[in-house]
């Protein structure tokens, strides 16, 4: 995203640093989950500000991935298309 110019490297560094500091101040541990959450928050905010992935689109894709994951048989690769259908009526 930095290489293609969607977000600026300095904006990424500043936003990620701020999100990590927020989590630390809130008592979050330094584990992988806390770091991943900070990365996700920073990235989503920057993408929304750039108009590259508005919040509604991010929410829609998150739901789509969740549905795809939940409807993929164990051991099979998760494909995003699996989350595009209403599985309750097809199962």
N, C-alpha and C. Protein backbone atom coordinates (compact mmCIF):
# COMPACT_ATOMS: atom_id res chain seq x y z
N UNK A 1 0.82 -1.21 0.00
CA UNK A 1 0.00 0.00 0.00
C UNK A 1 0.86 1.26 0.00
N UNK A 2 1.99 1.18 0.68
CA UNK A 2 2.91 2.32 0.67
C UNK A 2 3.56 2.42 -0.71
N UNK A 3 4.01 1.30 -1.24
CA UNK A 3 4.69 1.29 -2.53
C UNK A 3 3.80 1.81 -3.65
N UNK A 4 2.53 1.48 -3.61
CA UNK A 4 1.61 1.92 -4.65
C UNK A 4 1.04 3.31 -4.39
N UNK A 5 1.38 3.90 -3.26
CA UNK A 5 0.95 5.27 -2.97
C UNK A 5 -0.42 5.41 -2.34
N UNK A 6 -1.02 4.31 -1.93
CA UNK A 6 -2.33 4.40 -1.30
C UNK A 6 -2.21 5.10 0.05
N UNK A 7 -1.17 4.76 0.80
CA UNK A 7 -0.90 5.45 2.06
C UNK A 7 0.57 5.84 2.08
N UNK A 8 0.88 6.89 2.83
CA UNK A 8 2.26 7.36 2.95
C UNK A 8 2.96 6.63 4.09
N UNK A 9 4.24 6.35 3.89
CA UNK A 9 5.01 5.62 4.90
C UNK A 9 5.02 6.35 6.24
N UNK A 10 5.17 7.66 6.22
CA UNK A 10 5.20 8.41 7.48
C UNK A 10 3.84 8.39 8.17
N UNK A 11 2.76 8.41 7.39
CA UNK A 11 1.42 8.33 7.98
C UNK A 11 1.21 6.95 8.60
N UNK A 12 1.68 5.91 7.92
CA UNK A 12 1.57 4.56 8.45
C UNK A 12 2.33 4.42 9.77
N UNK A 13 3.56 4.89 9.78
CA UNK A 13 4.39 4.79 10.98
C UNK A 13 3.75 5.56 12.14
N UNK A 14 3.28 6.76 11.86
CA UNK A 14 2.68 7.59 12.91
C UNK A 14 1.39 6.96 13.44
N UNK A 15 0.54 6.48 12.54
CA UNK A 15 -0.74 5.90 12.97
C UNK A 15 -0.52 4.61 13.74
N UNK A 16 0.38 3.75 13.26
CA UNK A 16 0.64 2.50 13.97
C UNK A 16 1.24 2.79 15.34
N UNK A 17 2.18 3.72 15.42
CA UNK A 17 2.76 4.09 16.71
C UNK A 17 1.71 4.60 17.68
N UNK A 18 0.79 5.42 17.17
CA UNK A 18 -0.27 5.96 18.03
C UNK A 18 -1.20 4.85 18.52
N UNK A 19 -1.55 3.92 17.63
CA UNK A 19 -2.44 2.81 18.03
C UNK A 19 -1.77 1.90 19.05
N UNK A 20 -0.48 1.64 18.86
CA UNK A 20 0.25 0.82 19.83
C UNK A 20 0.31 1.52 21.18
N UNK A 21 0.54 2.83 21.18
CA UNK A 21 0.59 3.60 22.42
C UNK A 21 -0.78 3.59 23.11
N UNK A 22 -1.86 3.72 22.33
CA UNK A 22 -3.21 3.68 22.90
C UNK A 22 -3.46 2.35 23.60
N UNK A 23 -3.10 1.27 22.94
CA UNK A 23 -3.32 -0.06 23.51
C UNK A 23 -2.47 -0.26 24.77
N UNK A 24 -1.26 0.23 24.73
CA UNK A 24 -0.38 0.11 25.89
C UNK A 24 -0.94 0.90 27.07
N UNK A 25 -1.41 2.12 26.80
CA UNK A 25 -1.99 2.96 27.86
C UNK A 25 -3.26 2.35 28.42
N UNK A 26 -3.97 1.60 27.59
CA UNK A 26 -5.21 0.96 28.03
C UNK A 26 -4.94 -0.35 28.76
N UNK A 27 -3.67 -0.73 28.88
CA UNK A 27 -3.31 -1.93 29.61
C UNK A 27 -3.23 -3.18 28.77
N UNK A 28 -3.28 -3.03 27.45
CA UNK A 28 -3.15 -4.21 26.59
C UNK A 28 -1.74 -4.75 26.71
N UNK A 29 -1.63 -6.08 26.66
CA UNK A 29 -0.30 -6.67 26.75
C UNK A 29 0.46 -6.47 25.45
N UNK A 30 1.69 -6.89 25.42
CA UNK A 30 2.52 -6.72 24.24
C UNK A 30 2.48 -7.93 23.32
N UNK A 31 1.49 -8.76 23.46
CA UNK A 31 1.41 -9.99 22.67
C UNK A 31 0.99 -9.74 21.23
N UNK A 32 0.96 -10.83 20.49
CA UNK A 32 0.63 -10.77 19.07
C UNK A 32 -0.78 -10.24 18.84
N UNK A 33 -1.74 -10.60 19.70
CA UNK A 33 -3.11 -10.12 19.52
C UNK A 33 -3.19 -8.61 19.65
N UNK A 34 -2.49 -8.05 20.62
CA UNK A 34 -2.49 -6.60 20.81
C UNK A 34 -1.85 -5.91 19.61
N UNK A 35 -0.76 -6.47 19.12
CA UNK A 35 -0.07 -5.87 17.97
C UNK A 35 -0.96 -5.97 16.73
N UNK A 36 -1.54 -7.14 16.49
CA UNK A 36 -2.40 -7.31 15.33
C UNK A 36 -3.58 -6.34 15.38
N UNK A 37 -4.17 -6.18 16.55
CA UNK A 37 -5.29 -5.24 16.69
C UNK A 37 -4.88 -3.82 16.36
N UNK A 38 -3.69 -3.42 16.80
CA UNK A 38 -3.19 -2.07 16.50
C UNK A 38 -2.94 -1.91 15.01
N UNK A 39 -2.36 -2.93 14.39
CA UNK A 39 -2.11 -2.89 12.94
C UNK A 39 -3.42 -2.76 12.19
N UNK A 40 -4.40 -3.57 12.57
CA UNK A 40 -5.70 -3.53 11.91
C UNK A 40 -6.39 -2.18 12.08
N UNK A 41 -6.40 -1.65 13.29
CA UNK A 41 -7.01 -0.34 13.53
C UNK A 41 -6.33 0.75 12.70
N UNK A 42 -5.00 0.74 12.69
CA UNK A 42 -4.25 1.76 11.95
C UNK A 42 -4.54 1.64 10.46
N UNK A 43 -4.48 0.44 9.94
CA UNK A 43 -4.69 0.23 8.51
C UNK A 43 -6.10 0.59 8.08
N UNK A 44 -7.09 0.17 8.85
CA UNK A 44 -8.47 0.48 8.50
C UNK A 44 -8.71 1.99 8.49
N UNK A 45 -8.16 2.68 9.48
CA UNK A 45 -8.33 4.13 9.53
C UNK A 45 -7.70 4.83 8.35
N UNK A 46 -6.49 4.45 8.02
CA UNK A 46 -5.80 5.07 6.89
C UNK A 46 -6.49 4.76 5.56
N UNK A 47 -6.94 3.54 5.39
CA UNK A 47 -7.63 3.19 4.14
C UNK A 47 -8.96 3.93 4.01
N UNK A 48 -9.67 4.09 5.11
CA UNK A 48 -10.93 4.83 5.08
C UNK A 48 -10.67 6.29 4.73
N UNK A 49 -9.65 6.88 5.35
CA UNK A 49 -9.32 8.28 5.07
C UNK A 49 -8.90 8.49 3.62
N UNK A 50 -8.23 7.50 3.05
CA UNK A 50 -7.78 7.60 1.66
C UNK A 50 -8.90 7.30 0.67
N UNK A 51 -10.03 6.81 1.19
CA UNK A 51 -11.13 6.44 0.32
C UNK A 51 -10.89 5.12 -0.39
N UNK A 52 -9.86 4.40 0.03
CA UNK A 52 -9.52 3.13 -0.61
C UNK A 52 -10.36 1.98 -0.10
N UNK A 53 -10.82 2.07 1.11
CA UNK A 53 -11.66 1.02 1.71
C UNK A 53 -12.53 1.67 2.78
N UNK A 54 -13.64 2.27 2.37
CA UNK A 54 -14.53 2.89 3.34
C UNK A 54 -14.98 1.89 4.41
N UNK A 55 -15.31 2.38 5.58
CA UNK A 55 -15.68 1.54 6.71
C UNK A 55 -16.75 0.52 6.34
N UNK A 56 -17.75 0.90 5.60
CA UNK A 56 -18.80 -0.04 5.20
C UNK A 56 -18.26 -1.18 4.38
N UNK A 57 -17.31 -0.88 3.51
CA UNK A 57 -16.70 -1.92 2.68
C UNK A 57 -15.87 -2.87 3.54
N UNK A 58 -15.14 -2.34 4.49
CA UNK A 58 -14.35 -3.17 5.39
C UNK A 58 -15.28 -4.09 6.18
N UNK A 59 -16.37 -3.53 6.70
CA UNK A 59 -17.32 -4.35 7.46
C UNK A 59 -17.94 -5.43 6.59
N UNK A 60 -18.27 -5.09 5.35
CA UNK A 60 -18.87 -6.07 4.42
C UNK A 60 -17.88 -7.20 4.13
N UNK A 61 -16.62 -6.84 3.89
CA UNK A 61 -15.60 -7.86 3.60
C UNK A 61 -15.34 -8.73 4.83
N UNK A 62 -15.35 -8.13 6.01
CA UNK A 62 -15.15 -8.92 7.23
C UNK A 62 -16.26 -9.96 7.37
N UNK A 63 -17.49 -9.54 7.14
CA UNK A 63 -18.62 -10.46 7.21
C UNK A 63 -18.49 -11.55 6.15
N UNK A 64 -18.08 -11.15 4.94
CA UNK A 64 -17.92 -12.10 3.85
C UNK A 64 -16.86 -13.15 4.18
N UNK A 65 -15.73 -12.72 4.75
CA UNK A 65 -14.68 -13.67 5.13
C UNK A 65 -15.15 -14.59 6.26
N UNK A 66 -15.87 -14.03 7.22
CA UNK A 66 -16.38 -14.86 8.32
C UNK A 66 -17.31 -15.94 7.79
N UNK A 67 -18.22 -15.54 6.91
CA UNK A 67 -19.15 -16.52 6.33
C UNK A 67 -18.41 -17.56 5.51
N UNK A 68 -17.43 -17.14 4.74
CA UNK A 68 -16.65 -18.08 3.94
C UNK A 68 -15.94 -19.08 4.84
N UNK A 69 -15.34 -18.59 5.90
CA UNK A 69 -14.62 -19.47 6.84
C UNK A 69 -15.58 -20.47 7.48
N UNK A 70 -16.73 -19.98 7.92
CA UNK A 70 -17.69 -20.84 8.60
C UNK A 70 -18.31 -21.89 7.68
N UNK A 71 -18.31 -21.63 6.39
CA UNK A 71 -18.95 -22.55 5.45
C UNK A 71 -17.95 -23.29 4.57
N UNK A 72 -16.71 -23.34 5.00
CA UNK A 72 -15.68 -24.08 4.28
C UNK A 72 -15.37 -25.35 5.07
N UNK A 73 -15.45 -26.50 4.42
CA UNK A 73 -15.14 -27.75 5.12
C UNK A 73 -13.71 -27.75 5.66
N UNK A 74 -13.55 -28.39 6.81
CA UNK A 74 -12.24 -28.47 7.44
C UNK A 74 -11.21 -29.04 6.46
N UNK A 75 -10.05 -28.42 6.43
CA UNK A 75 -8.97 -28.88 5.58
C UNK A 75 -8.99 -28.32 4.18
N UNK A 76 -10.04 -27.62 3.83
CA UNK A 76 -10.15 -27.04 2.50
C UNK A 76 -9.74 -25.57 2.56
N UNK A 77 -9.21 -25.03 1.47
CA UNK A 77 -8.86 -23.62 1.47
C UNK A 77 -10.10 -22.74 1.54
N UNK A 78 -10.01 -21.68 2.30
CA UNK A 78 -11.13 -20.74 2.41
C UNK A 78 -11.12 -19.85 1.17
N UNK A 79 -12.24 -19.79 0.49
CA UNK A 79 -12.37 -18.95 -0.69
C UNK A 79 -13.42 -17.89 -0.41
N UNK A 80 -13.10 -16.66 -0.71
CA UNK A 80 -13.98 -15.54 -0.41
C UNK A 80 -15.36 -15.74 -1.03
N UNK A 81 -15.44 -16.33 -2.19
CA UNK A 81 -16.73 -16.55 -2.85
C UNK A 81 -17.68 -17.38 -1.99
N UNK A 82 -17.15 -18.22 -1.12
CA UNK A 82 -18.00 -19.03 -0.25
C UNK A 82 -18.78 -18.18 0.73
N UNK A 83 -18.37 -16.95 0.96
CA UNK A 83 -19.07 -16.06 1.87
C UNK A 83 -20.05 -15.14 1.18
N UNK A 84 -20.25 -15.31 -0.12
CA UNK A 84 -21.13 -14.43 -0.88
C UNK A 84 -22.55 -14.95 -1.00
N UNK A 85 -22.79 -16.14 -0.48
CA UNK A 85 -24.11 -16.76 -0.65
C UNK A 85 -24.80 -16.93 0.68
N UNK A 86 -26.09 -17.04 0.64
CA UNK A 86 -26.88 -17.33 1.83
C UNK A 86 -26.86 -18.84 2.03
N UNK A 87 -25.94 -19.32 2.87
CA UNK A 87 -25.77 -20.77 3.05
C UNK A 87 -26.90 -21.42 3.82
N UNK A 88 -27.65 -20.65 4.58
CA UNK A 88 -28.72 -21.24 5.35
C UNK A 88 -29.79 -21.84 4.46
N UNK A 89 -30.00 -21.25 3.28
CA UNK A 89 -31.01 -21.78 2.38
C UNK A 89 -30.47 -22.85 1.45
N UNK A 90 -29.14 -23.01 1.39
CA UNK A 90 -28.53 -23.96 0.49
C UNK A 90 -27.98 -25.19 1.19
N UNK A 91 -27.82 -25.16 2.50
CA UNK A 91 -27.23 -26.29 3.23
C UNK A 91 -28.22 -27.40 3.44
